[in-house]
């Protein structure tokens, strides 16, 4: 699945992880493919499957918005 890099940067920044956001900005292309870039995402502490669920629209009706998505992705 493809996700806009800006969404990933916003996710990291909203958690106060500016260093990882800067690293992501440097290492990820404008459009991130969760399969192709899985290694980079994992290095940044992001689970590609969680990104798909939370940012790809497959939230399953759980609600929680971006805050819930961030907690789920970053395991916090």
PDB file of N, CA and C in Angstrom:
ATOM      1  N   UNK A   1       0.833  -1.173   0.000  1.00  0.00           N
ATOM      2  CA  UNK A   1       0.000   0.000   0.000  1.00  0.00           C
ATOM      3  C   UNK A   1       0.884   1.245   0.000  1.00  0.00           C
ATOM      4  N   UNK A   2       0.411   2.287  -0.619  1.00  0.00           N
ATOM      5  CA  UNK A   2       1.177   3.523  -0.691  1.00  0.00           C
ATOM      6  C   UNK A   2       0.593   4.570   0.255  1.00  0.00           C
ATOM      7  N   UNK A   3       1.481   5.215   0.999  1.00  0.00           N
ATOM      8  CA  UNK A   3       1.107   6.236   1.974  1.00  0.00           C
ATOM      9  C   UNK A   3       1.971   7.463   1.725  1.00  0.00           C
ATOM     10  N   UNK A   4       1.364   8.622   1.802  1.00  0.00           N
ATOM     11  CA  UNK A   4       2.103   9.861   1.618  1.00  0.00           C
ATOM     12  C   UNK A   4       3.094  10.060   2.770  1.00  0.00           C
ATOM     13  N   UNK A   5       4.320  10.395   2.432  1.00  0.00           N
ATOM     14  CA  UNK A   5       5.357  10.584   3.446  1.00  0.00           C
ATOM     15  C   UNK A   5       4.942  11.614   4.494  1.00  0.00           C
ATOM     16  N   UNK A   6       4.207  12.634   4.094  1.00  0.00           N
ATOM     17  CA  UNK A   6       3.788  13.683   5.028  1.00  0.00           C
ATOM     18  C   UNK A   6       2.974  13.117   6.180  1.00  0.00           C
ATOM     19  N   UNK A   7       2.166  12.083   5.923  1.00  0.00           N
ATOM     20  CA  UNK A   7       1.377  11.464   6.985  1.00  0.00           C
ATOM     21  C   UNK A   7       2.289  10.787   8.008  1.00  0.00           C
ATOM     22  N   UNK A   8       3.334  10.161   7.524  1.00  0.00           N
ATOM     23  CA  UNK A   8       4.274   9.485   8.413  1.00  0.00           C
ATOM     24  C   UNK A   8       5.047  10.511   9.230  1.00  0.00           C
ATOM     25  N   UNK A   9       5.458  11.588   8.591  1.00  0.00           N
ATOM     26  CA  UNK A   9       6.173  12.647   9.300  1.00  0.00           C
ATOM     27  C   UNK A   9       5.283  13.258  10.384  1.00  0.00           C
ATOM     28  N   UNK A  10       4.037  13.506  10.057  1.00  0.00           N
ATOM     29  CA  UNK A  10       3.097  14.074  11.022  1.00  0.00           C
ATOM     30  C   UNK A  10       2.917  13.125  12.205  1.00  0.00           C
ATOM     31  N   UNK A  11       2.833  11.855  11.922  1.00  0.00           N
ATOM     32  CA  UNK A  11       2.687  10.846  12.966  1.00  0.00           C
ATOM     33  C   UNK A  11       3.860  10.885  13.935  1.00  0.00           C
ATOM     34  N   UNK A  12       5.074  10.912  13.400  1.00  0.00           N
ATOM     35  CA  UNK A  12       6.272  10.945  14.238  1.00  0.00           C
ATOM     36  C   UNK A  12       6.377  12.258  15.013  1.00  0.00           C
ATOM     37  N   UNK A  13       6.084  13.361  14.356  1.00  0.00           N
ATOM     38  CA  UNK A  13       6.174  14.669  15.007  1.00  0.00           C
ATOM     39  C   UNK A  13       5.138  14.812  16.109  1.00  0.00           C
ATOM     40  N   UNK A  14       3.969  14.253  15.912  1.00  0.00           N
ATOM     41  CA  UNK A  14       2.921  14.369  16.932  1.00  0.00           C
ATOM     42  C   UNK A  14       3.285  13.610  18.198  1.00  0.00           C
ATOM     43  N   UNK A  15       4.216  12.680  18.086  1.00  0.00           N
ATOM     44  CA  UNK A  15       4.711  11.955  19.252  1.00  0.00           C
ATOM     45  C   UNK A  15       5.954  12.615  19.834  1.00  0.00           C
ATOM     46  N   UNK A  16       6.329  13.761  19.273  1.00  0.00           N
ATOM     47  CA  UNK A  16       7.495  14.477  19.773  1.00  0.00           C
ATOM     48  C   UNK A  16       8.806  13.852  19.350  1.00  0.00           C
ATOM     49  N   UNK A  17       8.762  12.998  18.342  1.00  0.00           N
ATOM     50  CA  UNK A  17       9.977  12.312  17.889  1.00  0.00           C
ATOM     51  C   UNK A  17      10.523  12.998  16.648  1.00  0.00           C
ATOM     52  N   UNK A  18      11.007  14.218  16.853  1.00  0.00           N
ATOM     53  CA  UNK A  18      11.489  15.015  15.729  1.00  0.00           C
ATOM     54  C   UNK A  18      12.720  14.409  15.061  1.00  0.00           C
ATOM     55  N   UNK A  19      13.553  13.719  15.832  1.00  0.00           N
ATOM     56  CA  UNK A  19      14.749  13.101  15.250  1.00  0.00           C
ATOM     57  C   UNK A  19      14.355  12.013  14.252  1.00  0.00           C
ATOM     58  N   UNK A  20      13.375  11.179  14.615  1.00  0.00           N
ATOM     59  CA  UNK A  20      12.920  10.135  13.696  1.00  0.00           C
ATOM     60  C   UNK A  20      12.177  10.742  12.517  1.00  0.00           C
ATOM     61  N   UNK A  21      11.443  11.823  12.763  1.00  0.00           N
ATOM     62  CA  UNK A  21      10.743  12.490  11.668  1.00  0.00           C
ATOM     63  C   UNK A  21      11.750  13.033  10.661  1.00  0.00           C
ATOM     64  N   UNK A  22      12.830  13.622  11.155  1.00  0.00           N
ATOM     65  CA  UNK A  22      13.864  14.146  10.268  1.00  0.00           C
ATOM     66  C   UNK A  22      14.536  13.004   9.498  1.00  0.00           C
ATOM     67  N   UNK A  23      14.802  11.904  10.181  1.00  0.00           N
ATOM     68  CA  UNK A  23      15.399  10.741   9.534  1.00  0.00           C
ATOM     69  C   UNK A  23      14.459  10.198   8.456  1.00  0.00           C
ATOM     70  N   UNK A  24      13.168  10.113   8.772  1.00  0.00           N
ATOM     71  CA  UNK A  24      12.183   9.633   7.809  1.00  0.00           C
ATOM     72  C   UNK A  24      12.123  10.548   6.592  1.00  0.00           C
ATOM     73  N   UNK A  25      12.188  11.851   6.838  1.00  0.00           N
ATOM     74  CA  UNK A  25      12.139  12.824   5.753  1.00  0.00           C
ATOM     75  C   UNK A  25      13.314  12.638   4.799  1.00  0.00           C
ATOM     76  N   UNK A  26      14.470  12.278   5.349  1.00  0.00           N
ATOM     77  CA  UNK A  26      15.664  12.094   4.529  1.00  0.00           C
ATOM     78  C   UNK A  26      15.674  10.755   3.799  1.00  0.00           C
ATOM     79  N   UNK A  27      15.140   9.719   4.437  1.00  0.00           N
ATOM     80  CA  UNK A  27      15.276   8.367   3.893  1.00  0.00           C
ATOM     81  C   UNK A  27      14.090   7.872   3.070  1.00  0.00           C
ATOM     82  N   UNK A  28      12.919   8.423   3.301  1.00  0.00           N
ATOM     83  CA  UNK A  28      11.729   7.940   2.603  1.00  0.00           C
ATOM     84  C   UNK A  28      11.424   8.791   1.377  1.00  0.00           C
ATOM     85  N   UNK A  29      10.902   8.161   0.336  1.00  0.00           N
ATOM     86  CA  UNK A  29      10.460   8.931  -0.840  1.00  0.00           C
ATOM     87  C   UNK A  29       9.136   9.627  -0.540  1.00  0.00           C
ATOM     88  N   UNK A  30       8.684  10.464  -1.442  1.00  0.00           N
ATOM     89  CA  UNK A  30       7.446  11.215  -1.265  1.00  0.00           C
ATOM     90  C   UNK A  30       6.236  10.330  -1.060  1.00  0.00           C
ATOM     91  N   UNK A  31       6.202   9.214  -1.764  1.00  0.00           N
ATOM     92  CA  UNK A  31       5.153   8.220  -1.589  1.00  0.00           C
ATOM     93  C   UNK A  31       5.813   6.949  -1.084  1.00  0.00           C
ATOM     94  N   UNK A  32       5.392   6.503   0.089  1.00  0.00           N
ATOM     95  CA  UNK A  32       6.004   5.351   0.739  1.00  0.00           C
ATOM     96  C   UNK A  32       5.190   4.103   0.433  1.00  0.00           C
ATOM     97  N   UNK A  33       5.857   3.086  -0.073  1.00  0.00           N
ATOM     98  CA  UNK A  33       5.232   1.787  -0.312  1.00  0.00           C
ATOM     99  C   UNK A  33       5.541   0.911   0.897  1.00  0.00           C
ATOM    100  N   UNK A  34       4.503   0.477   1.600  1.00  0.00           N
ATOM    101  CA  UNK A  34       4.717  -0.256   2.852  1.00  0.00           C
ATOM    102  C   UNK A  34       5.456  -1.572   2.652  1.00  0.00           C
ATOM    103  N   UNK A  35       5.361  -2.156   1.475  1.00  0.00           N
ATOM    104  CA  UNK A  35       6.108  -3.391   1.203  1.00  0.00           C
ATOM    105  C   UNK A  35       7.558  -3.078   0.845  1.00  0.00           C
ATOM    106  N   UNK A  36       7.720  -2.187  -0.094  1.00  0.00           N
ATOM    107  CA  UNK A  36       9.052  -1.851  -0.600  1.00  0.00           C
ATOM    108  C   UNK A  36       9.924  -1.174   0.462  1.00  0.00           C
ATOM    109  N   UNK A  37       9.319  -0.371   1.323  1.00  0.00           N
ATOM    110  CA  UNK A  37      10.075   0.399   2.304  1.00  0.00           C
ATOM    111  C   UNK A  37       9.896  -0.116   3.732  1.00  0.00           C
ATOM    112  N   UNK A  38       9.491  -1.367   3.869  1.00  0.00           N
ATOM    113  CA  UNK A  38       9.229  -1.956   5.191  1.00  0.00           C
ATOM    114  C   UNK A  38      10.450  -1.878   6.104  1.00  0.00           C
ATOM    115  N   UNK A  39      11.629  -2.113   5.568  1.00  0.00           N
ATOM    116  CA  UNK A  39      12.841  -2.080   6.376  1.00  0.00           C
ATOM    117  C   UNK A  39      13.105  -0.714   6.977  1.00  0.00           C
ATOM    118  N   UNK A  40      12.924   0.323   6.187  1.00  0.00           N
ATOM    119  CA  UNK A  40      13.129   1.686   6.680  1.00  0.00           C
ATOM    120  C   UNK A  40      12.083   2.015   7.737  1.00  0.00           C
ATOM    121  N   UNK A  41      10.824   1.646   7.468  1.00  0.00           N
ATOM    122  CA  UNK A  41       9.754   1.921   8.421  1.00  0.00           C
ATOM    123  C   UNK A  41      10.033   1.245   9.762  1.00  0.00           C
ATOM    124  N   UNK A  42      10.463  -0.003   9.703  1.00  0.00           N
ATOM    125  CA  UNK A  42      10.757  -0.730  10.944  1.00  0.00           C
ATOM    126  C   UNK A  42      11.932  -0.099  11.683  1.00  0.00           C
ATOM    127  N   UNK A  43      12.917   0.368  10.938  1.00  0.00           N
ATOM    128  CA  UNK A  43      14.058   1.046  11.548  1.00  0.00           C
ATOM    129  C   UNK A  43      13.611   2.315  12.283  1.00  0.00           C
ATOM    130  N   UNK A  44      12.538   2.924  11.799  1.00  0.00           N
ATOM    131  CA  UNK A  44      11.987   4.126  12.418  1.00  0.00           C
ATOM    132  C   UNK A  44      11.022   3.792  13.558  1.00  0.00           C
ATOM    133  N   UNK A  45      10.831   2.505  13.816  1.00  0.00           N
ATOM    134  CA  UNK A  45       9.934   2.089  14.886  1.00  0.00           C
ATOM    135  C   UNK A  45       8.476   2.022  14.475  1.00  0.00           C
ATOM    136  N   UNK A  46       8.234   1.955  13.174  1.00  0.00           N
ATOM    137  CA  UNK A  46       6.877   1.899  12.650  1.00  0.00           C
ATOM    138  C   UNK A  46       6.606   0.530  12.053  1.00  0.00           C
ATOM    139  N   UNK A  47       5.483  -0.068  12.414  1.00  0.00           N
ATOM    140  CA  UNK A  47       5.093  -1.353  11.858  1.00  0.00           C
ATOM    141  C   UNK A  47       4.300  -1.102  10.577  1.00  0.00           C
ATOM    142  N   UNK A  48       4.773  -1.626   9.439  1.00  0.00           N
ATOM    143  CA  UNK A  48       4.071  -1.369   8.167  1.00  0.00           C
ATOM    144  C   UNK A  48       2.604  -1.799   8.186  1.00  0.00           C
ATOM    145  N   UNK A  49       2.292  -2.916   8.839  1.00  0.00           N
ATOM    146  CA  UNK A  49       0.900  -3.376   8.886  1.00  0.00           C
ATOM    147  C   UNK A  49       0.035  -2.415   9.703  1.00  0.00           C
ATOM    148  N   UNK A  50       0.577  -1.894  10.784  1.00  0.00           N
ATOM    149  CA  UNK A  50      -0.177  -0.923  11.578  1.00  0.00           C
ATOM    150  C   UNK A  50      -0.398   0.363  10.795  1.00  0.00           C
ATOM    151  N   UNK A  51       0.609   0.771  10.026  1.00  0.00           N
ATOM    152  CA  UNK A  51       0.440   1.960   9.186  1.00  0.00           C
ATOM    153  C   UNK A  51      -0.701   1.761   8.201  1.00  0.00           C
ATOM    154  N   UNK A  52      -0.768   0.593   7.602  1.00  0.00           N
ATOM    155  CA  UNK A  52      -1.836   0.304   6.644  1.00  0.00           C
ATOM    156  C   UNK A  52      -3.193   0.406   7.329  1.00  0.00           C
ATOM    157  N   UNK A  53      -3.303  -0.191   8.503  1.00  0.00           N
ATOM    158  CA  UNK A  53      -4.576  -0.167   9.233  1.00  0.00           C
ATOM    159  C   UNK A  53      -4.976   1.250   9.619  1.00  0.00           C
ATOM    160  N   UNK A  54      -4.025   2.007  10.121  1.00  0.00           N
ATOM    161  CA  UNK A  54      -4.355   3.317  10.665  1.00  0.00           C
ATOM    162  C   UNK A  54      -4.398   4.439   9.633  1.00  0.00           C
ATOM    163  N   UNK A  55      -3.443   4.458   8.723  1.00  0.00           N
ATOM    164  CA  UNK A  55      -3.376   5.550   7.747  1.00  0.00           C
ATOM    165  C   UNK A  55      -3.999   5.180   6.412  1.00  0.00           C
ATOM    166  N   UNK A  56      -4.178   3.890   6.190  1.00  0.00           N
ATOM    167  CA  UNK A  56      -4.718   3.449   4.916  1.00  0.00           C
ATOM    168  C   UNK A  56      -6.223   3.339   4.893  1.00  0.00           C
ATOM    169  N   UNK A  57      -6.880   3.734   5.988  1.00  0.00           N
ATOM    170  CA  UNK A  57      -8.333   3.721   5.999  1.00  0.00           C
ATOM    171  C   UNK A  57      -8.931   2.418   6.463  1.00  0.00           C
ATOM    172  N   UNK A  58      -8.127   1.435   6.833  1.00  0.00           N
ATOM    173  CA  UNK A  58      -8.655   0.154   7.277  1.00  0.00           C
ATOM    174  C   UNK A  58      -8.729   0.064   8.778  1.00  0.00           C
ATOM    175  N   UNK A  59      -9.271   1.084   9.414  1.00  0.00           N
ATOM    176  CA  UNK A  59      -9.315   1.141  10.864  1.00  0.00           C
ATOM    177  C   UNK A  59     -10.312   0.211  11.510  1.00  0.00           C
ATOM    178  N   UNK A  60     -11.192  -0.406  10.702  1.00  0.00           N
ATOM    179  CA  UNK A  60     -12.121  -1.368  11.255  1.00  0.00           C
ATOM    180  C   UNK A  60     -13.198  -0.752  12.133  1.00  0.00           C
ATOM    181  N   UNK A  61     -13.443   0.531  11.998  1.00  0.00           N
ATOM    182  CA  UNK A  61     -14.507   1.159  12.755  1.00  0.00           C
ATOM    183  C   UNK A  61     -14.209   1.303  14.234  1.00  0.00           C
ATOM    184  N   UNK A  62     -12.986   1.213  14.606  1.00  0.00           N
ATOM    185  CA  UNK A  62     -12.594   1.273  16.002  1.00  0.00           C
ATOM    186  C   UNK A  62     -12.650   2.686  16.561  1.00  0.00           C
ATOM    187  N   UNK A  63     -12.573   3.670  15.730  1.00  0.00           N
ATOM    188  CA  UNK A  63     -12.524   5.037  16.216  1.00  0.00           C
ATOM    189  C   UNK A  63     -11.147   5.352  16.770  1.00  0.00           C
ATOM    190  N   UNK A  64     -11.075   6.355  17.597  1.00  0.00           N
ATOM    191  CA  UNK A  64      -9.794   6.684  18.214  1.00  0.00           C
ATOM    192  C   UNK A  64      -9.014   7.734  17.458  1.00  0.00           C
ATOM    193  N   UNK A  65      -9.315   7.915  16.187  1.00  0.00           N
ATOM    194  CA  UNK A  65      -8.653   8.948  15.406  1.00  0.00           C
ATOM    195  C   UNK A  65      -7.150   8.791  15.327  1.00  0.00           C
ATOM    196  N   UNK A  66      -6.475   9.880  15.036  1.00  0.00           N
ATOM    197  CA  UNK A  66      -5.024   9.857  14.862  1.00  0.00           C
ATOM    198  C   UNK A  66      -4.309   9.501  16.154  1.00  0.00           C
ATOM    199  N   UNK A  67      -4.822   9.966  17.288  1.00  0.00           N
ATOM    200  CA  UNK A  67      -4.184   9.648  18.564  1.00  0.00           C
ATOM    201  C   UNK A  67      -4.136   8.155  18.809  1.00  0.00           C
ATOM    202  N   UNK A  68      -5.237   7.463  18.554  1.00  0.00           N
ATOM    203  CA  UNK A  68      -5.268   6.013  18.706  1.00  0.00           C
ATOM    204  C   UNK A  68      -4.369   5.333  17.701  1.00  0.00           C
ATOM    205  N   UNK A  69      -4.323   5.882  16.512  1.00  0.00           N
ATOM    206  CA  UNK A  69      -3.463   5.312  15.476  1.00  0.00           C
ATOM    207  C   UNK A  69      -2.002   5.421  15.875  1.00  0.00           C
ATOM    208  N   UNK A  70      -1.635   6.561  16.400  1.00  0.00           N
ATOM    209  CA  UNK A  70      -0.245   6.779  16.788  1.00  0.00           C
ATOM    210  C   UNK A  70       0.147   5.813  17.899  1.00  0.00           C
ATOM    211  N   UNK A  71      -0.698   5.698  18.899  1.00  0.00           N
ATOM    212  CA  UNK A  71      -0.399   4.782  19.989  1.00  0.00           C
ATOM    213  C   UNK A  71      -0.282   3.363  19.511  1.00  0.00           C
ATOM    214  N   UNK A  72      -1.149   2.953  18.605  1.00  0.00           N
ATOM    215  CA  UNK A  72      -1.102   1.595  18.085  1.00  0.00           C
ATOM    216  C   UNK A  72       0.152   1.338  17.257  1.00  0.00           C
ATOM    217  N   UNK A  73       0.526   2.300  16.464  1.00  0.00           N
ATOM    218  CA  UNK A  73       1.687   2.128  15.590  1.00  0.00           C
ATOM    219  C   UNK A  73       2.981   2.121  16.390  1.00  0.00           C
ATOM    220  N   UNK A  74       3.074   3.022  17.349  1.00  0.00           N
ATOM    221  CA  UNK A  74       4.317   3.157  18.101  1.00  0.00           C
ATOM    222  C   UNK A  74       4.342   2.315  19.372  1.00  0.00           C
ATOM    223  N   UNK A  75       3.272   1.584  19.623  1.00  0.00           N
ATOM    224  CA  UNK A  75       3.225   0.704  20.770  1.00  0.00           C
ATOM    225  C   UNK A  75       3.226   1.420  22.104  1.00  0.00           C
ATOM    226  N   UNK A  76       2.616   2.600  22.155  1.00  0.00           N
ATOM    227  CA  UNK A  76       2.594   3.378  23.400  1.00  0.00           C
ATOM    228  C   UNK A  76       1.199   3.420  23.955  1.00  0.00           C
TER     229      UNK A  76
END
